[in-house]
Every structure is written in C-alpha cells, then in structure tokens.
Amino acid sequence: MAKTNYTYEKRARELEKEKKKEEKRKKKLALKADEQQEKETPIDSE
C-alpha cells in the first residue's frame, strides 16, 4: 500500500492560505485607495 505524502499536502494548504491572504491584502489596499481618492476629490453640488 502506498504511503501518503502529508508534507506535500501540508505545503499545498500553506500555499493556498498565503494566496488567499495576499488576495485579501490587495483587495483591502484597493478599497483603501478608492476611499482616499473620494476624499481628495469632493463633488460639489452647486
């Protein structure tokens, strides 16, 4: 019977976590940049 490679599976999970974390970080930065841009350019209603 073949032995499972747990270290490979663990590494794959770790890489997936890092990828998700990085995507989340980029999303937060994009939202923060949008907020900053809106504050810098107020829209006048007059």
PDB file of N, CA and C in Angstrom:
ATOM      1  N   MET A   1       0.843  -1.179   0.000  1.00  0.00           N
ATOM      2  CA  MET A   1       0.000   0.000   0.000  1.00  0.00           C
ATOM      3  C   MET A   1       0.893   1.249   0.000  1.00  0.00           C
ATOM      4  N   ALA A   2       0.505   2.231  -0.788  1.00  0.00           N
ATOM      5  CA  ALA A   2       1.293   3.457  -0.904  1.00  0.00           C
ATOM      6  C   ALA A   2       1.109   4.349   0.325  1.00  0.00           C
ATOM      7  N   LYS A   3       2.182   4.969   0.703  1.00  0.00           N
ATOM      8  CA  LYS A   3       2.161   5.867   1.855  1.00  0.00           C
ATOM      9  C   LYS A   3       1.806   7.282   1.368  1.00  0.00           C
ATOM     10  N   THR A   4       0.896   7.945   2.074  1.00  0.00           N
ATOM     11  CA  THR A   4       0.507   9.292   1.660  1.00  0.00           C
ATOM     12  C   THR A   4       1.596  10.293   2.014  1.00  0.00           C
ATOM     13  N   ASN A   5       1.707  11.317   1.174  1.00  0.00           N
ATOM     14  CA  ASN A   5       2.729  12.329   1.365  1.00  0.00           C
ATOM     15  C   ASN A   5       2.103  13.528   2.070  1.00  0.00           C
ATOM     16  N   TYR A   6       2.112  13.487   3.392  1.00  0.00           N
ATOM     17  CA  TYR A   6       1.478  14.536   4.179  1.00  0.00           C
ATOM     18  C   TYR A   6       2.202  15.881   4.050  1.00  0.00           C
ATOM     19  N   THR A   7       3.511  15.835   3.905  1.00  0.00           N
ATOM     20  CA  THR A   7       4.252  17.094   3.792  1.00  0.00           C
ATOM     21  C   THR A   7       3.854  17.838   2.523  1.00  0.00           C
ATOM     22  N   TYR A   8       3.605  17.129   1.442  1.00  0.00           N
ATOM     23  CA  TYR A   8       3.165  17.764   0.198  1.00  0.00           C
ATOM     24  C   TYR A   8       1.793  18.391   0.399  1.00  0.00           C
ATOM     25  N   GLU A   9       0.894  17.665   1.037  1.00  0.00           N
ATOM     26  CA  GLU A   9      -0.458  18.184   1.279  1.00  0.00           C
ATOM     27  C   GLU A   9      -0.410  19.415   2.181  1.00  0.00           C
ATOM     28  N   LYS A  10       0.432  19.366   3.207  1.00  0.00           N
ATOM     29  CA  LYS A  10       0.566  20.498   4.124  1.00  0.00           C
ATOM     30  C   LYS A  10       1.096  21.713   3.376  1.00  0.00           C
ATOM     31  N   ARG A  11       2.104  21.514   2.574  1.00  0.00           N
ATOM     32  CA  ARG A  11       2.683  22.622   1.799  1.00  0.00           C
ATOM     33  C   ARG A  11       1.641  23.210   0.846  1.00  0.00           C
ATOM     34  N   ALA A  12       0.839  22.370   0.227  1.00  0.00           N
ATOM     35  CA  ALA A  12      -0.204  22.843  -0.680  1.00  0.00           C
ATOM     36  C   ALA A  12      -1.222  23.702   0.079  1.00  0.00           C
ATOM     37  N   ARG A  13      -1.597  23.268   1.292  1.00  0.00           N
ATOM     38  CA  ARG A  13      -2.527  24.053   2.117  1.00  0.00           C
ATOM     39  C   ARG A  13      -1.910  25.395   2.500  1.00  0.00           C
ATOM     40  N   GLU A  14      -0.620  25.376   2.878  1.00  0.00           N
ATOM     41  CA  GLU A  14       0.066  26.609   3.254  1.00  0.00           C
ATOM     42  C   GLU A  14       0.116  27.592   2.087  1.00  0.00           C
ATOM     43  N   LEU A  15       0.408  27.092   0.897  1.00  0.00           N
ATOM     44  CA  LEU A  15       0.455  27.952  -0.282  1.00  0.00           C
ATOM     45  C   LEU A  15      -0.917  28.547  -0.578  1.00  0.00           C
ATOM     46  N   GLU A  16      -1.944  27.745  -0.410  1.00  0.00           N
ATOM     47  CA  GLU A  16      -3.312  28.221  -0.631  1.00  0.00           C
ATOM     48  C   GLU A  16      -3.659  29.325   0.368  1.00  0.00           C
ATOM     49  N   LYS A  17      -3.274  29.147   1.629  1.00  0.00           N
ATOM     50  CA  LYS A  17      -3.523  30.169   2.650  1.00  0.00           C
ATOM     51  C   LYS A  17      -2.805  31.464   2.302  1.00  0.00           C
ATOM     52  N   GLU A  18      -1.539  31.350   1.890  1.00  0.00           N
ATOM     53  CA  GLU A  18      -0.760  32.530   1.529  1.00  0.00           C
ATOM     54  C   GLU A  18      -1.401  33.255   0.355  1.00  0.00           C
ATOM     55  N   LYS A  19      -1.876  32.490  -0.611  1.00  0.00           N
ATOM     56  CA  LYS A  19      -2.515  33.075  -1.803  1.00  0.00           C
ATOM     57  C   LYS A  19      -3.775  33.845  -1.399  1.00  0.00           C
ATOM     58  N   LYS A  20      -4.605  33.245  -0.561  1.00  0.00           N
ATOM     59  CA  LYS A  20      -5.825  33.902  -0.108  1.00  0.00           C
ATOM     60  C   LYS A  20      -5.501  35.158   0.688  1.00  0.00           C
ATOM     61  N   LYS A  21      -4.493  35.069   1.549  1.00  0.00           N
ATOM     62  CA  LYS A  21      -4.089  36.203   2.376  1.00  0.00           C
ATOM     63  C   LYS A  21      -3.628  37.361   1.495  1.00  0.00           C
ATOM     64  N   GLU A  22      -2.861  37.049   0.475  1.00  0.00           N
ATOM     65  CA  GLU A  22      -2.357  38.076  -0.438  1.00  0.00           C
ATOM     66  C   GLU A  22      -3.505  38.730  -1.216  1.00  0.00           C
ATOM     67  N   GLU A  23      -4.461  37.922  -1.676  1.00  0.00           N
ATOM     68  CA  GLU A  23      -5.619  38.461  -2.384  1.00  0.00           C
ATOM     69  C   GLU A  23      -6.426  39.384  -1.476  1.00  0.00           C
ATOM     70  N   LYS A  24      -6.593  38.978  -0.230  1.00  0.00           N
ATOM     71  CA  LYS A  24      -7.332  39.782   0.741  1.00  0.00           C
ATOM     72  C   LYS A  24      -6.616  41.113   0.973  1.00  0.00           C
ATOM     73  N   ARG A  25      -5.283  41.050   1.099  1.00  0.00           N
ATOM     74  CA  ARG A  25      -4.491  42.257   1.319  1.00  0.00           C
ATOM     75  C   ARG A  25      -4.619  43.223   0.137  1.00  0.00           C
ATOM     76  N   LYS A  26      -4.554  42.689  -1.081  1.00  0.00           N
ATOM     77  CA  LYS A  26      -4.682  43.527  -2.276  1.00  0.00           C
ATOM     78  C   LYS A  26      -6.065  44.153  -2.354  1.00  0.00           C
ATOM     79  N   LYS A  27      -7.089  43.384  -1.992  1.00  0.00           N
ATOM     80  CA  LYS A  27      -8.458  43.892  -2.021  1.00  0.00           C
ATOM     81  C   LYS A  27      -8.623  45.046  -1.032  1.00  0.00           C
ATOM     82  N   LYS A  28      -8.070  44.873   0.172  1.00  0.00           N
ATOM     83  CA  LYS A  28      -8.144  45.922   1.188  1.00  0.00           C
ATOM     84  C   LYS A  28      -7.416  47.181   0.716  1.00  0.00           C
ATOM     85  N   LEU A  29      -6.249  47.005   0.102  1.00  0.00           N
ATOM     86  CA  LEU A  29      -5.500  48.154  -0.398  1.00  0.00           C
ATOM     87  C   LEU A  29      -6.282  48.886  -1.478  1.00  0.00           C
ATOM     88  N   ALA A  30      -6.948  48.147  -2.350  1.00  0.00           N
ATOM     89  CA  ALA A  30      -7.741  48.757  -3.410  1.00  0.00           C
ATOM     90  C   ALA A  30      -8.899  49.551  -2.818  1.00  0.00           C
ATOM     91  N   LEU A  31      -9.570  48.989  -1.825  1.00  0.00           N
ATOM     92  CA  LEU A  31     -10.680  49.695  -1.183  1.00  0.00           C
ATOM     93  C   LEU A  31     -10.189  50.950  -0.488  1.00  0.00           C
ATOM     94  N   LYS A  32      -9.051  50.840   0.173  1.00  0.00           N
ATOM     95  CA  LYS A  32      -8.483  51.979   0.881  1.00  0.00           C
ATOM     96  C   LYS A  32      -8.101  53.076  -0.114  1.00  0.00           C
ATOM     97  N   ALA A  33      -7.541  52.694  -1.250  1.00  0.00           N
ATOM     98  CA  ALA A  33      -7.156  53.660  -2.281  1.00  0.00           C
ATOM     99  C   ALA A  33      -8.393  54.362  -2.836  1.00  0.00           C
ATOM    100  N   ASP A  34      -9.481  53.628  -3.039  1.00  0.00           N
ATOM    101  CA  ASP A  34     -10.725  54.218  -3.532  1.00  0.00           C
ATOM    102  C   ASP A  34     -11.271  55.232  -2.539  1.00  0.00           C
ATOM    103  N   GLU A  35     -11.251  54.892  -1.262  1.00  0.00           N
ATOM    104  CA  GLU A  35     -11.727  55.812  -0.228  1.00  0.00           C
ATOM    105  C   GLU A  35     -10.876  57.076  -0.212  1.00  0.00           C
ATOM    106  N   GLN A  36      -9.581  56.909  -0.315  1.00  0.00           N
ATOM    107  CA  GLN A  36      -8.660  58.041  -0.286  1.00  0.00           C
ATOM    108  C   GLN A  36      -8.919  58.943  -1.493  1.00  0.00           C
ATOM    109  N   GLN A  37      -9.160  58.356  -2.631  1.00  0.00           N
ATOM    110  CA  GLN A  37      -9.404  59.112  -3.854  1.00  0.00           C
ATOM    111  C   GLN A  37     -10.705  59.910  -3.735  1.00  0.00           C
ATOM    112  N   GLU A  38     -11.729  59.324  -3.149  1.00  0.00           N
ATOM    113  CA  GLU A  38     -13.002  60.002  -2.971  1.00  0.00           C
ATOM    114  C   GLU A  38     -12.855  61.200  -2.026  1.00  0.00           C
ATOM    115  N   LYS A  39     -12.034  61.051  -0.999  1.00  0.00           N
ATOM    116  CA  LYS A  39     -11.820  62.137  -0.045  1.00  0.00           C
ATOM    117  C   LYS A  39     -11.065  63.298  -0.695  1.00  0.00           C
ATOM    118  N   GLU A  40     -10.148  62.991  -1.596  1.00  0.00           N
ATOM    119  CA  GLU A  40      -9.342  64.018  -2.233  1.00  0.00           C
ATOM    120  C   GLU A  40     -10.139  64.820  -3.268  1.00  0.00           C
ATOM    121  N   THR A  41     -11.101  64.198  -3.905  1.00  0.00           N
ATOM    122  CA  THR A  41     -11.871  64.872  -4.955  1.00  0.00           C
ATOM    123  C   THR A  41     -13.342  64.946  -4.554  1.00  0.00           C
ATOM    124  N   PRO A  42     -13.702  65.921  -3.702  1.00  0.00           N
ATOM    125  CA  PRO A  42     -15.110  66.057  -3.317  1.00  0.00           C
ATOM    126  C   PRO A  42     -15.940  66.573  -4.495  1.00  0.00           C
ATOM    127  N   ILE A  43     -17.180  66.109  -4.561  1.00  0.00           N
ATOM    128  CA  ILE A  43     -18.078  66.514  -5.629  1.00  0.00           C
ATOM    129  C   ILE A  43     -18.937  67.672  -5.136  1.00  0.00           C
ATOM    130  N   ASP A  44     -18.892  68.793  -5.848  1.00  0.00           N
ATOM    131  CA  ASP A  44     -19.688  69.961  -5.487  1.00  0.00           C
ATOM    132  C   ASP A  44     -21.066  69.834  -6.119  1.00  0.00           C
ATOM    133  N   SER A  45     -22.094  70.139  -5.348  1.00  0.00           N
ATOM    134  CA  SER A  45     -23.468  70.027  -5.860  1.00  0.00           C
ATOM    135  C   SER A  45     -23.998  71.360  -6.357  1.00  0.00           C
ATOM    136  N   GLU A  46     -23.180  72.392  -6.330  1.00  0.00           N
ATOM    137  CA  GLU A  46     -23.628  73.710  -6.777  1.00  0.00           C
ATOM    138  C   GLU A  46     -23.424  73.907  -8.242  1.00  0.00           C
TER     139      GLU A  46
END
